[in-house]
PDB file of N, CA and C in Angstrom:
ATOM      1  N   MET A   1     -18.727  17.679  18.278  1.00  0.00           N
ATOM      2  CA  MET A   1     -19.332  17.978  16.598  1.00  0.00           C
ATOM      3  C   MET A   1     -19.752  17.020  15.393  1.00  0.00           C
ATOM      4  N   ASN A   2     -20.663  16.918  15.215  1.00  0.00           N
ATOM      5  CA  ASN A   2     -21.687  15.876  14.316  1.00  0.00           C
ATOM      6  C   ASN A   2     -21.519  16.757  13.292  1.00  0.00           C
ATOM      7  N   ILE A   3     -21.400  16.012  12.436  1.00  0.00           N
ATOM      8  CA  ILE A   3     -21.724  16.728  10.787  1.00  0.00           C
ATOM      9  C   ILE A   3     -22.339  15.001  10.441  1.00  0.00           C
ATOM     10  N   LYS A   4     -23.620  15.620  10.040  1.00  0.00           N
ATOM     11  CA  LYS A   4     -24.805  14.576   9.258  1.00  0.00           C
ATOM     12  C   LYS A   4     -24.214  15.000   7.266  1.00  0.00           C
ATOM     13  N   LEU A   5     -24.274  14.014   7.057  1.00  0.00           N
ATOM     14  CA  LEU A   5     -23.936  13.625   5.331  1.00  0.00           C
ATOM     15  C   LEU A   5     -25.267  13.089   4.700  1.00  0.00           C
ATOM     16  N   GLY A   6     -25.507  13.839   3.677  1.00  0.00           N
ATOM     17  CA  GLY A   6     -26.520  13.074   2.632  1.00  0.00           C
ATOM     18  C   GLY A   6     -26.315  12.118   2.464  1.00  0.00           C
ATOM     19  N   THR A   7     -27.153  11.285   1.987  1.00  0.00           N
ATOM     20  CA  THR A   7     -27.083  10.111   0.838  1.00  0.00           C
ATOM     21  C   THR A   7     -26.072  10.270  -0.242  1.00  0.00           C
ATOM     22  N   ILE A   8     -26.123  11.309  -0.525  1.00  0.00           N
ATOM     23  CA  ILE A   8     -25.516  11.322  -1.828  1.00  0.00           C
ATOM     24  C   ILE A   8     -24.287  11.776  -1.557  1.00  0.00           C
ATOM     25  N   ALA A   9     -23.817  12.699  -0.346  1.00  0.00           N
ATOM     26  CA  ALA A   9     -22.332  12.792  -0.226  1.00  0.00           C
ATOM     27  C   ALA A   9     -21.597  11.409   0.542  1.00  0.00           C
ATOM     28  N   THR A  10     -22.382  10.797   1.112  1.00  0.00           N
ATOM     29  CA  THR A  10     -21.730   9.610   1.886  1.00  0.00           C
ATOM     30  C   THR A  10     -21.420   8.584   0.542  1.00  0.00           C
ATOM     31  N   HIS A  11     -22.571   8.752  -0.573  1.00  0.00           N
ATOM     32  CA  HIS A  11     -22.285   7.559  -1.428  1.00  0.00           C
ATOM     33  C   HIS A  11     -20.828   8.220  -2.286  1.00  0.00           C
ATOM     34  N   SER A  12     -20.821   9.492  -2.589  1.00  0.00           N
ATOM     35  CA  SER A  12     -19.696  10.021  -3.563  1.00  0.00           C
ATOM     36  C   SER A  12     -17.935  10.109  -2.544  1.00  0.00           C
ATOM     37  N   LEU A  13     -18.353   9.714  -0.827  1.00  0.00           N
ATOM     38  CA  LEU A  13     -16.962   9.743  -0.390  1.00  0.00           C
ATOM     39  C   LEU A  13     -16.984   8.734  -0.284  1.00  0.00           C
ATOM     40  N   LEU A  14     -17.800   7.719  -0.443  1.00  0.00           N
ATOM     41  CA  LEU A  14     -17.570   5.928  -0.279  1.00  0.00           C
ATOM     42  C   LEU A  14     -16.765   5.637  -2.114  1.00  0.00           C
ATOM     43  N   THR A  15     -17.438   6.331  -2.851  1.00  0.00           N
ATOM     44  CA  THR A  15     -16.841   6.280  -4.381  1.00  0.00           C
ATOM     45  C   THR A  15     -15.445   6.640  -4.017  1.00  0.00           C
ATOM     46  N   VAL A  16     -15.041   7.843  -4.132  1.00  0.00           N
ATOM     47  CA  VAL A  16     -13.772   8.115  -3.906  1.00  0.00           C
ATOM     48  C   VAL A  16     -12.833   7.001  -3.455  1.00  0.00           C
ATOM     49  N   GLY A  17     -13.342   6.978  -1.885  1.00  0.00           N
ATOM     50  CA  GLY A  17     -12.489   6.251  -0.990  1.00  0.00           C
ATOM     51  C   GLY A  17     -11.686   5.101  -1.654  1.00  0.00           C
ATOM     52  N   LEU A  18     -13.165   4.502  -2.265  1.00  0.00           N
ATOM     53  CA  LEU A  18     -13.065   2.520  -2.739  1.00  0.00           C
ATOM     54  C   LEU A  18     -12.114   2.747  -4.014  1.00  0.00           C
ATOM     55  N   ALA A  19     -12.153   3.977  -4.987  1.00  0.00           N
ATOM     56  CA  ALA A  19     -10.994   4.273  -6.044  1.00  0.00           C
ATOM     57  C   ALA A  19     -10.108   4.569  -5.500  1.00  0.00           C
ATOM     58  N   LEU A  20      -9.655   5.464  -4.244  1.00  0.00           N
ATOM     59  CA  LEU A  20      -8.459   5.767  -4.553  1.00  0.00           C
ATOM     60  C   LEU A  20      -7.232   4.062  -3.515  1.00  0.00           C
ATOM     61  N   GLY A  21      -8.515   3.325  -3.259  1.00  0.00           N
ATOM     62  CA  GLY A  21      -7.618   2.342  -2.532  1.00  0.00           C
ATOM     63  C   GLY A  21      -7.396   1.072  -3.684  1.00  0.00           C
ATOM     64  N   VAL A  22      -8.278   0.774  -4.750  1.00  0.00           N
ATOM     65  CA  VAL A  22      -8.200   0.464  -5.594  1.00  0.00           C
ATOM     66  C   VAL A  22      -6.837   1.046  -6.700  1.00  0.00           C
ATOM     67  N   ALA A  23      -6.969   2.426  -6.918  1.00  0.00           N
ATOM     68  CA  ALA A  23      -5.682   3.010  -7.236  1.00  0.00           C
ATOM     69  C   ALA A  23      -4.052   2.460  -6.735  1.00  0.00           C
ATOM     70  N   SER A  24      -4.156   2.485  -4.853  1.00  0.00           N
ATOM     71  CA  SER A  24      -2.675   2.333  -4.397  1.00  0.00           C
ATOM     72  C   SER A  24      -2.251   0.958  -4.889  1.00  0.00           C
ATOM     73  N   ALA A  25      -3.958  -0.464  -4.605  1.00  0.00           N
ATOM     74  CA  ALA A  25      -3.316  -1.276  -4.796  1.00  0.00           C
ATOM     75  C   ALA A  25      -2.584  -1.803  -6.247  1.00  0.00           C
ATOM     76  N   HIS A  26      -3.545  -1.316  -6.905  1.00  0.00           N
ATOM     77  CA  HIS A  26      -2.739  -1.586  -8.223  1.00  0.00           C
ATOM     78  C   HIS A  26      -1.278  -0.528  -8.331  1.00  0.00           C
ATOM     79  N   ALA A  27      -1.371  -0.187  -7.766  1.00  0.00           N
ATOM     80  CA  ALA A  27       0.209   0.822  -7.915  1.00  0.00           C
ATOM     81  C   ALA A  27       1.254   0.153  -7.314  1.00  0.00           C
ATOM     82  N   ARG A  28       0.445  -0.936  -6.456  1.00  0.00           N
ATOM     83  CA  ARG A  28       1.823  -1.977  -5.510  1.00  0.00           C
ATOM     84  C   ARG A  28       1.924  -3.224  -6.573  1.00  0.00           C
ATOM     85  N   ASP A  29       0.794  -3.284  -7.262  1.00  0.00           N
ATOM     86  CA  ASP A  29       1.336  -4.863  -8.002  1.00  0.00           C
ATOM     87  C   ASP A  29       2.009  -3.824  -9.392  1.00  0.00           C
ATOM     88  N   TYR A  30       2.771  -4.886  -9.812  1.00  0.00           N
ATOM     89  CA  TYR A  30       4.184  -4.808 -10.914  1.00  0.00           C
ATOM     90  C   TYR A  30       4.997  -4.507 -10.877  1.00  0.00           C
ATOM     91  N   ASN A  31       5.513  -2.915  -9.725  1.00  0.00           N
ATOM     92  CA  ASN A  31       6.412  -2.439  -9.575  1.00  0.00           C
ATOM     93  C   ASN A  31       7.055  -2.784  -8.360  1.00  0.00           C
ATOM     94  N   VAL A  32       8.271  -3.060  -8.319  1.00  0.00           N
ATOM     95  CA  VAL A  32       8.985  -3.338  -7.154  1.00  0.00           C
ATOM     96  C   VAL A  32      10.125  -2.700  -6.734  1.00  0.00           C
ATOM     97  N   THR A  33      10.493  -2.494  -5.541  1.00  0.00           N
ATOM     98  CA  THR A  33      11.916  -1.353  -5.020  1.00  0.00           C
ATOM     99  C   THR A  33      12.496  -2.776  -4.859  1.00  0.00           C
ATOM    100  N   HIS A  34      13.579  -2.275  -4.699  1.00  0.00           N
ATOM    101  CA  HIS A  34      15.159  -2.793  -4.282  1.00  0.00           C
ATOM    102  C   HIS A  34      15.114  -3.363  -3.254  1.00  0.00           C
ATOM    103  N   ASP A  35      14.563  -2.807  -2.029  1.00  0.00           N
ATOM    104  CA  ASP A  35      14.528  -3.405  -0.864  1.00  0.00           C
ATOM    105  C   ASP A  35      13.047  -4.425  -1.154  1.00  0.00           C
ATOM    106  N   GLN A  36      12.465  -4.514  -1.623  1.00  0.00           N
ATOM    107  CA  GLN A  36      11.855  -5.586  -2.024  1.00  0.00           C
ATOM    108  C   GLN A  36      12.331  -7.124  -2.898  1.00  0.00           C
ATOM    109  N   GLU A  37      13.407  -6.860  -3.742  1.00  0.00           N
ATOM    110  CA  GLU A  37      13.926  -7.815  -4.456  1.00  0.00           C
ATOM    111  C   GLU A  37      14.590  -8.698  -3.833  1.00  0.00           C
ATOM    112  N   GLN A  38      15.547  -8.076  -2.646  1.00  0.00           N
ATOM    113  CA  GLN A  38      16.245  -8.975  -1.390  1.00  0.00           C
ATOM    114  C   GLN A  38      14.870  -9.887  -0.662  1.00  0.00           C
ATOM    115  N   LEU A  39      14.260  -9.363  -0.834  1.00  0.00           N
ATOM    116  CA  LEU A  39      13.149 -10.552   0.075  1.00  0.00           C
ATOM    117  C   LEU A  39      12.647 -11.783  -0.910  1.00  0.00           C
ATOM    118  N   VAL A  40      13.124 -11.817  -2.059  1.00  0.00           N
ATOM    119  CA  VAL A  40      13.038 -13.450  -2.890  1.00  0.00           C
ATOM    120  C   VAL A  40      14.401 -13.996  -2.784  1.00  0.00           C
ATOM    121  N   GLN A  41      13.624 -15.410  -1.914  1.00  0.00           N
ATOM    122  CA  GLN A  41      14.600 -16.316  -2.199  1.00  0.00           C
ATOM    123  C   GLN A  41      14.305 -17.341  -2.532  1.00  0.00           C
ATOM    124  N   PRO A  42      15.026 -18.334  -3.425  1.00  0.00           N
ATOM    125  CA  PRO A  42      15.034 -19.792  -3.870  1.00  0.00           C
ATOM    126  C   PRO A  42      14.198 -20.388  -3.284  1.00  0.00           C
ATOM    127  N   GLY A  43      13.226 -21.212  -3.208  1.00  0.00           N
ATOM    128  CA  GLY A  43      12.495 -22.151  -2.721  1.00  0.00           C
ATOM    129  C   GLY A  43      10.871 -21.429  -2.426  1.00  0.00           C
ATOM    130  N   MET A  44      10.959 -19.959  -2.694  1.00  0.00           N
ATOM    131  CA  MET A  44       9.937 -19.343  -2.357  1.00  0.00           C
ATOM    132  C   MET A  44       8.263 -19.738  -3.564  1.00  0.00           C
ATOM    133  N   THR A  45       7.172 -19.824  -2.887  1.00  0.00           N
ATOM    134  CA  THR A  45       6.156 -20.346  -3.608  1.00  0.00           C
ATOM    135  C   THR A  45       5.834 -18.768  -4.268  1.00  0.00           C
ATOM    136  N   ALA A  46       4.847 -19.338  -5.467  1.00  0.00           N
ATOM    137  CA  ALA A  46       4.384 -18.602  -6.043  1.00  0.00           C
ATOM    138  C   ALA A  46       3.015 -17.472  -5.189  1.00  0.00           C
ATOM    139  N   ASP A  47       2.584 -18.136  -4.185  1.00  0.00           N
ATOM    140  CA  ASP A  47       1.731 -17.539  -3.523  1.00  0.00           C
ATOM    141  C   ASP A  47       2.441 -16.609  -2.339  1.00  0.00           C
ATOM    142  N   ALA A  48       3.824 -17.206  -1.759  1.00  0.00           N
ATOM    143  CA  ALA A  48       4.681 -16.444  -0.501  1.00  0.00           C
ATOM    144  C   ALA A  48       5.052 -15.393  -1.288  1.00  0.00           C
ATOM    145  N   LEU A  49       5.696 -15.463  -2.846  1.00  0.00           N
ATOM    146  CA  LEU A  49       6.307 -14.392  -3.860  1.00  0.00           C
ATOM    147  C   LEU A  49       5.014 -13.376  -4.026  1.00  0.00           C
ATOM    148  N   LYS A  50       3.648 -13.773  -4.281  1.00  0.00           N
ATOM    149  CA  LYS A  50       2.741 -12.419  -4.385  1.00  0.00           C
ATOM    150  C   LYS A  50       2.688 -11.693  -3.102  1.00  0.00           C
ATOM    151  N   ALA A  51       2.731 -12.717  -1.918  1.00  0.00           N
ATOM    152  CA  ALA A  51       2.137 -11.816  -1.297  1.00  0.00           C
ATOM    153  C   ALA A  51       3.303 -10.678  -1.018  1.00  0.00           C
ATOM    154  N   VAL A  52       4.720 -11.145  -1.272  1.00  0.00           N
ATOM    155  CA  VAL A  52       6.070 -10.190  -0.825  1.00  0.00           C
ATOM    156  C   VAL A  52       5.831  -9.338  -2.250  1.00  0.00           C
ATOM    157  N   LEU A  53       5.428  -9.205  -3.014  1.00  0.00           N
ATOM    158  CA  LEU A  53       5.916  -8.239  -4.181  1.00  0.00           C
ATOM    159  C   LEU A  53       4.561  -8.301  -5.008  1.00  0.00           C
ATOM    160  N   GLY A  54       3.505  -8.568  -4.808  1.00  0.00           N
ATOM    161  CA  GLY A  54       2.240  -8.233  -5.701  1.00  0.00           C
ATOM    162  C   GLY A  54       2.093  -9.172  -6.610  1.00  0.00           C
ATOM    163  N   SER A  55       1.192  -8.690  -7.785  1.00  0.00           N
ATOM    164  CA  SER A  55       1.027  -9.421  -8.871  1.00  0.00           C
ATOM    165  C   SER A  55       2.056  -8.857 -10.192  1.00  0.00           C
ATOM    166  N   PRO A  56       2.567  -9.888 -10.821  1.00  0.00           N
ATOM    167  CA  PRO A  56       3.524  -9.408 -11.643  1.00  0.00           C
ATOM    168  C   PRO A  56       3.105  -8.852 -12.996  1.00  0.00           C
ATOM    169  N   ALA A  57       4.040  -7.792 -13.805  1.00  0.00           N
ATOM    170  CA  ALA A  57       3.078  -7.160 -14.900  1.00  0.00           C
ATOM    171  C   ALA A  57       3.328  -8.081 -15.869  1.00  0.00           C
ATOM    172  N   ALA A  58       4.015  -9.258 -15.846  1.00  0.00           N
ATOM    173  CA  ALA A  58       3.989  -9.876 -17.080  1.00  0.00           C
ATOM    174  C   ALA A  58       4.156 -11.719 -16.869  1.00  0.00           C
ATOM    175  N   VAL A  59       3.824 -12.417 -17.204  1.00  0.00           N
ATOM    176  CA  VAL A  59       3.942 -13.965 -16.671  1.00  0.00           C
ATOM    177  C   VAL A  59       4.183 -14.758 -18.012  1.00  0.00           C
ATOM    178  N   GLU A  60       5.344 -14.841 -18.274  1.00  0.00           N
ATOM    179  CA  GLU A  60       5.301 -15.932 -19.395  1.00  0.00           C
ATOM    180  C   GLU A  60       5.550 -17.247 -19.317  1.00  0.00           C
ATOM    181  N   ALA A  61       5.101 -17.660 -19.719  1.00  0.00           N
ATOM    182  CA  ALA A  61       6.062 -19.671 -19.979  1.00  0.00           C
ATOM    183  C   ALA A  61       6.995 -19.823 -21.039  1.00  0.00           C
ATOM    184  N   VAL A  62       8.304 -20.084 -21.055  1.00  0.00           N
ATOM    185  CA  VAL A  62       9.150 -20.340 -22.020  1.00  0.00           C
ATOM    186  C   VAL A  62       9.962 -21.952 -22.265  1.00  0.00           C
ATOM    187  N   GLY A  63       9.464 -22.355 -23.779  1.00  0.00           N
ATOM    188  CA  GLY A  63       9.392 -23.802 -23.688  1.00  0.00           C
ATOM    189  C   GLY A  63      10.512 -24.931 -23.600  1.00  0.00           C
ATOM    190  N   SER A  64      11.839 -23.776 -23.000  1.00  0.00           N
ATOM    191  CA  SER A  64      12.928 -24.445 -22.887  1.00  0.00           C
ATOM    192  C   SER A  64      12.983 -24.395 -21.278  1.00  0.00           C
ATOM    193  N   GLU A  65      12.301 -22.925 -20.594  1.00  0.00           N
ATOM    194  CA  GLU A  65      12.574 -23.388 -19.147  1.00  0.00           C
ATOM    195  C   GLU A  65      11.740 -24.263 -18.192  1.00  0.00           C
ATOM    196  N   PRO A  66      11.669 -24.656 -17.010  1.00  0.00           N
ATOM    197  CA  PRO A  66      10.855 -25.774 -16.439  1.00  0.00           C
ATOM    198  C   PRO A  66       9.463 -25.429 -15.772  1.00  0.00           C
ATOM    199  N   GLY A  67       9.766 -23.636 -15.541  1.00  0.00           N
ATOM    200  CA  GLY A  67       8.203 -22.739 -15.330  1.00  0.00           C
ATOM    201  C   GLY A  67       8.148 -21.728 -15.661  1.00  0.00           C
ATOM    202  N   PRO A  68       7.581 -21.265 -15.456  1.00  0.00           N
ATOM    203  CA  PRO A  68       6.679 -19.731 -15.575  1.00  0.00           C
ATOM    204  C   PRO A  68       7.960 -18.763 -14.989  1.00  0.00           C
ATOM    205  N   ILE A  69       8.199 -17.929 -16.013  1.00  0.00           N
ATOM    206  CA  ILE A  69       9.081 -16.087 -15.701  1.00  0.00           C
ATOM    207  C   ILE A  69       8.052 -15.326 -15.577  1.00  0.00           C
ATOM    208  N   TRP A  70       7.998 -14.627 -14.207  1.00  0.00           N
ATOM    209  CA  TRP A  70       7.152 -13.348 -13.532  1.00  0.00           C
ATOM    210  C   TRP A  70       8.408 -12.632 -13.525  1.00  0.00           C
ATOM    211  N   THR A  71       7.564 -11.224 -14.164  1.00  0.00           N
ATOM    212  CA  THR A  71       8.524  -9.574 -14.435  1.00  0.00           C
ATOM    213  C   THR A  71       7.876  -8.612 -13.878  1.00  0.00           C
ATOM    214  N   TYR A  72       8.370  -8.324 -13.265  1.00  0.00           N
ATOM    215  CA  TYR A  72       7.987  -6.835 -12.703  1.00  0.00           C
ATOM    216  C   TYR A  72       9.174  -6.016 -13.246  1.00  0.00           C
ATOM    217  N   GLN A  73       8.407  -4.669 -13.045  1.00  0.00           N
ATOM    218  CA  GLN A  73       9.362  -2.472 -13.227  1.00  0.00           C
ATOM    219  C   GLN A  73       9.982  -3.276 -11.897  1.00  0.00           C
ATOM    220  N   VAL A  74      10.980  -2.670 -12.269  1.00  0.00           N
ATOM    221  CA  VAL A  74      11.454  -1.851 -10.735  1.00  0.00           C
ATOM    222  C   VAL A  74      11.590  -0.449 -10.903  1.00  0.00           C
ATOM    223  N   ALA A  75      10.650  -0.188  -9.817  1.00  0.00           N
ATOM    224  CA  ALA A  75      10.456   1.213  -9.314  1.00  0.00           C
ATOM    225  C   ALA A  75      11.816   2.306  -8.861  1.00  0.00           C
ATOM    226  N   ASN A  76      11.353   3.485  -9.002  1.00  0.00           N
ATOM    227  CA  ASN A  76      12.385   4.316  -8.438  1.00  0.00           C
ATOM    228  C   ASN A  76      14.138   4.548  -9.341  1.00  0.00           C
ATOM    229  N   VAL A  77      14.003   4.169 -10.829  1.00  0.00           N
ATOM    230  CA  VAL A  77      15.209   3.307 -11.133  1.00  0.00           C
ATOM    231  C   VAL A  77      15.311   4.910 -12.595  1.00  0.00           C
ATOM    232  N   SER A  78      16.308   5.579 -12.612  1.00  0.00           N
ATOM    233  CA  SER A  78      16.360   6.728 -13.337  1.00  0.00           C
ATOM    234  C   SER A  78      16.862   6.329 -14.548  1.00  0.00           C
ATOM    235  N   SER A  79      17.136   6.784 -15.163  1.00  0.00           N
ATOM    236  CA  SER A  79      17.708   5.935 -17.064  1.00  0.00           C
ATOM    237  C   SER A  79      18.347   7.311 -17.457  1.00  0.00           C
ATOM    238  N   ALA A  80      19.673   7.180 -18.194  1.00  0.00           N
ATOM    239  CA  ALA A  80      19.904   8.149 -18.733  1.00  0.00           C
ATOM    240  C   ALA A  80      19.497   8.237 -20.153  1.00  0.00           C
ATOM    241  N   ILE A  81      18.970   6.651 -20.519  1.00  0.00           N
ATOM    242  CA  ILE A  81      18.261   6.499 -21.940  1.00  0.00           C
ATOM    243  C   ILE A  81      16.923   6.635 -21.996  1.00  0.00           C
ATOM    244  N   PRO A  82      16.361   7.281 -22.658  1.00  0.00           N
ATOM    245  CA  PRO A  82      15.116   7.577 -22.447  1.00  0.00           C
ATOM    246  C   PRO A  82      14.030   6.169 -23.076  1.00  0.00           C
ATOM    247  N   ASP A  83      13.022   5.876 -22.164  1.00  0.00           N
ATOM    248  CA  ASP A  83      12.160   4.755 -22.231  1.00  0.00           C
ATOM    249  C   ASP A  83      12.931   3.580 -22.003  1.00  0.00           C
ATOM    250  N   GLY A  84      13.860   3.612 -21.531  1.00  0.00           N
ATOM    251  CA  GLY A  84      14.777   2.420 -20.948  1.00  0.00           C
ATOM    252  C   GLY A  84      13.900   2.074 -19.374  1.00  0.00           C
ATOM    253  N   ARG A  85      13.816   0.849 -19.304  1.00  0.00           N
ATOM    254  CA  ARG A  85      13.390   0.625 -17.877  1.00  0.00           C
ATOM    255  C   ARG A  85      14.324  -0.853 -17.174  1.00  0.00           C
ATOM    256  N   THR A  86      14.127  -0.958 -16.060  1.00  0.00           N
ATOM    257  CA  THR A  86      14.862  -2.095 -15.318  1.00  0.00           C
ATOM    258  C   THR A  86      13.434  -2.595 -15.024  1.00  0.00           C
ATOM    259  N   LEU A  87      13.836  -4.465 -15.329  1.00  0.00           N
ATOM    260  CA  LEU A  87      13.011  -5.003 -15.181  1.00  0.00           C
ATOM    261  C   LEU A  87      13.518  -6.083 -13.787  1.00  0.00           C
ATOM    262  N   PHE A  88      12.659  -7.198 -13.452  1.00  0.00           N
ATOM    263  CA  PHE A  88      13.100  -8.326 -12.455  1.00  0.00           C
ATOM    264  C   PHE A  88      12.248  -9.167 -12.245  1.00  0.00           C
ATOM    265  N   ASP A  89      13.320 -10.150 -13.077  1.00  0.00           N
ATOM    266  CA  ASP A  89      12.843 -11.875 -13.778  1.00  0.00           C
ATOM    267  C   ASP A  89      13.354 -12.694 -12.233  1.00  0.00           C
ATOM    268  N   ILE A  90      11.259 -13.104 -12.052  1.00  0.00           N
ATOM    269  CA  ILE A  90      11.453 -14.302 -11.512  1.00  0.00           C
ATOM    270  C   ILE A  90      11.240 -15.786 -11.658  1.00  0.00           C
ATOM    271  N   GLN A  91      12.374 -16.961 -11.933  1.00  0.00           N
ATOM    272  CA  GLN A  91      11.864 -17.435 -12.592  1.00  0.00           C
ATOM    273  C   GLN A  91      11.753 -18.616 -11.606  1.00  0.00           C
ATOM    274  N   PHE A  92      10.397 -20.081 -12.154  1.00  0.00           N
ATOM    275  CA  PHE A  92      10.081 -21.022 -11.328  1.00  0.00           C
ATOM    276  C   PHE A  92      10.720 -22.377 -11.925  1.00  0.00           C
ATOM    277  N   GLY A  93      10.839 -22.897 -10.671  1.00  0.00           N
ATOM    278  CA  GLY A  93      11.631 -24.465 -11.303  1.00  0.00           C
ATOM    279  C   GLY A  93       9.976 -25.258 -11.841  1.00  0.00           C
ATOM    280  N   ALA A  94      10.138 -26.592 -12.034  1.00  0.00           N
ATOM    281  CA  ALA A  94       8.894 -27.149 -12.548  1.00  0.00           C
ATOM    282  C   ALA A  94       7.867 -27.715 -11.339  1.00  0.00           C
ATOM    283  N   ASP A  95       8.975 -27.824  -9.739  1.00  0.00           N
ATOM    284  CA  ASP A  95       8.213 -27.638  -9.333  1.00  0.00           C
ATOM    285  C   ASP A  95       7.118 -26.489  -8.592  1.00  0.00           C
ATOM    286  N   GLY A  96       7.118 -25.467  -8.835  1.00  0.00           N
ATOM    287  CA  GLY A  96       6.866 -24.596  -8.401  1.00  0.00           C
ATOM    288  C   GLY A  96       6.960 -23.551  -7.663  1.00  0.00           C
ATOM    289  N   ARG A  97       8.436 -23.216  -7.228  1.00  0.00           N
ATOM    290  CA  ARG A  97       9.019 -22.670  -6.533  1.00  0.00           C
ATOM    291  C   ARG A  97       9.964 -22.027  -7.088  1.00  0.00           C
ATOM    292  N   VAL A  98      10.435 -21.081  -6.606  1.00  0.00           N
ATOM    293  CA  VAL A  98      11.288 -19.867  -7.126  1.00  0.00           C
ATOM    294  C   VAL A  98      12.912 -20.613  -7.539  1.00  0.00           C
ATOM    295  N   ILE A  99      13.813 -20.586  -8.952  1.00  0.00           N
ATOM    296  CA  ILE A  99      14.971 -20.934  -8.373  1.00  0.00           C
ATOM    297  C   ILE A  99      16.082 -19.830  -8.829  1.00  0.00           C
ATOM    298  N   SER A 100      15.271 -18.605  -9.761  1.00  0.00           N
ATOM    299  CA  SER A 100      15.961 -17.819  -9.436  1.00  0.00           C
ATOM    300  C   SER A 100      15.549 -16.227  -9.816  1.00  0.00           C
ATOM    301  N   ALA A 101      16.383 -15.487  -9.665  1.00  0.00           N
ATOM    302  CA  ALA A 101      15.630 -14.146  -9.780  1.00  0.00           C
ATOM    303  C   ALA A 101      16.462 -13.042 -10.395  1.00  0.00           C
ATOM    304  N   ASN A 102      16.509 -12.064 -11.238  1.00  0.00           N
ATOM    305  CA  ASN A 102      17.498 -11.298 -11.949  1.00  0.00           C
ATOM    306  C   ASN A 102      17.056 -10.215 -12.492  1.00  0.00           C
ATOM    307  N   GLU A 103      17.822  -8.850 -11.880  1.00  0.00           N
ATOM    308  CA  GLU A 103      17.202  -7.660 -12.262  1.00  0.00           C
ATOM    309  C   GLU A 103      18.047  -7.552 -13.420  1.00  0.00           C
ATOM    310  N   PHE A 104      17.426  -6.667 -14.735  1.00  0.00           N
ATOM    311  CA  PHE A 104      18.116  -5.954 -16.101  1.00  0.00           C
ATOM    312  C   PHE A 104      17.613  -4.893 -15.956  1.00  0.00           C
ATOM    313  N   PHE A 105      18.181  -4.670 -17.173  1.00  0.00           N
ATOM    314  CA  PHE A 105      17.508  -3.526 -18.130  1.00  0.00           C
ATOM    315  C   PHE A 105      17.596  -3.365 -19.391  1.00  0.00           C
ATOM    316  N   THR A 106      16.206  -2.897 -20.290  1.00  0.00           N
ATOM    317  CA  THR A 106      15.883  -3.052 -21.302  1.00  0.00           C
ATOM    318  C   THR A 106      15.517  -1.964 -22.302  1.00  0.00           C
ATOM    319  N   VAL A 107      15.721  -1.582 -22.960  1.00  0.00           N
ATOM    320  CA  VAL A 107      15.460  -0.507 -24.039  1.00  0.00           C
ATOM    321  C   VAL A 107      14.752  -1.290 -25.111  1.00  0.00           C
ATOM    322  N   PRO A 108      13.738  -0.017 -25.791  1.00  0.00           N
ATOM    323  CA  PRO A 108      12.776  -0.278 -26.423  1.00  0.00           C
ATOM    324  C   PRO A 108      13.654  -0.593 -28.054  1.00  0.00           C
ATOM    325  N   ASP A 109      12.932  -1.392 -28.606  1.00  0.00           N
ATOM    326  CA  ASP A 109      13.570  -1.350 -30.312  1.00  0.00           C
ATOM    327  C   ASP A 109      13.241  -0.128 -31.013  1.00  0.00           C
ATOM    328  N   SER A 110      14.026  -0.071 -31.617  1.00  0.00           N
ATOM    329  CA  SER A 110      14.288   1.644 -31.958  1.00  0.00           C
ATOM    330  C   SER A 110      13.923   1.359 -33.500  1.00  0.00           C
ATOM    331  N   THR A 111      14.060  -0.231 -33.964  1.00  0.00           N
ATOM    332  CA  THR A 111      13.897  -0.298 -35.862  1.00  0.00           C
ATOM    333  C   THR A 111      12.497   0.282 -36.005  1.00  0.00           C
ATOM    334  N   GLY A 112      11.504  -0.343 -35.386  1.00  0.00           N
ATOM    335  CA  GLY A 112       9.641   0.415 -34.971  1.00  0.00           C
ATOM    336  C   GLY A 112       9.273  -1.031 -35.817  1.00  0.00           C
ATOM    337  N   ASP A 113      10.043  -2.630 -35.488  1.00  0.00           N
ATOM    338  CA  ASP A 113       9.283  -3.717 -35.765  1.00  0.00           C
ATOM    339  C   ASP A 113       8.304  -4.299 -34.333  1.00  0.00           C
TER     340      ASP A 113
END
């Protein structure tokens, strides 16, 4: 059975497919699972880390640290504290390689500052 689609229908399907692809790729970035955390090893390069975890939610350069800190949000973690988040930080050394990785819980500042 052959189905012919018109140009508008073909473009619409293509647009929807691309949008879904971008959305799923974007969802991969910033969030990691506990299984993915286990793949992070000291000595990994930024490119190797990005291949395993995707893009970080934040990259921060702290003056006293030798290299940047990449932060990801940990997916599928429920919290009894509203708006609390579990984060995963990866510290790089001056040579651009992972030196440490830590998971921690954060609660938003309730003072309004």
